[in-house]
């Protein structure tokens, strides 16, 4: 993350596309590395530690990636986990790039504001982090409700029988 702050030394019209290209390349290289060269080693280590990765299929690929991106794991761990688990490359990129790019842009805005002395830009970076945090939190709650609904449970409270009798 600290390197995102230094992206602010360039104008925004250079920094934002540069961040997009750098993150896209980083994610693609990580995917290739984790899904080819490192996959057998990672699977052996996980097996030795008795850790099972979920089976990623075409049906659950997108939800797996969304869940992974809102899990709170460090980005590098998210990237390697998705690739080793067998996520498809297009889904991996379509879910991973926007999440990581949002964070990168927020930190880059804060770095740029420190260099240029613009408080408004710093506050915009913080606001973007807050909005992303709220979206991630809301997505987590939505996924949890879906999970409970599939299990036949509900998060809604049962109505109080005494309040029903009064009506």
Foldseek 3Di string as FASTA:
>chain_A
DVVLLVLLVDDPVPSLVVLLVVVLVVLVVLLVCLQPVCLVVVVVVCVVVVHDQDQDDPVCLLVVLLCLLLVPDPLSVSSNSSNSNPRDPVSNCVSNSVLVSLLSCLSNQLSNCVVVVPVVSPVVSVVSVVVSNVVSVVVVVVVVQVVQVVVVHHPDDDDDPVVVVVD
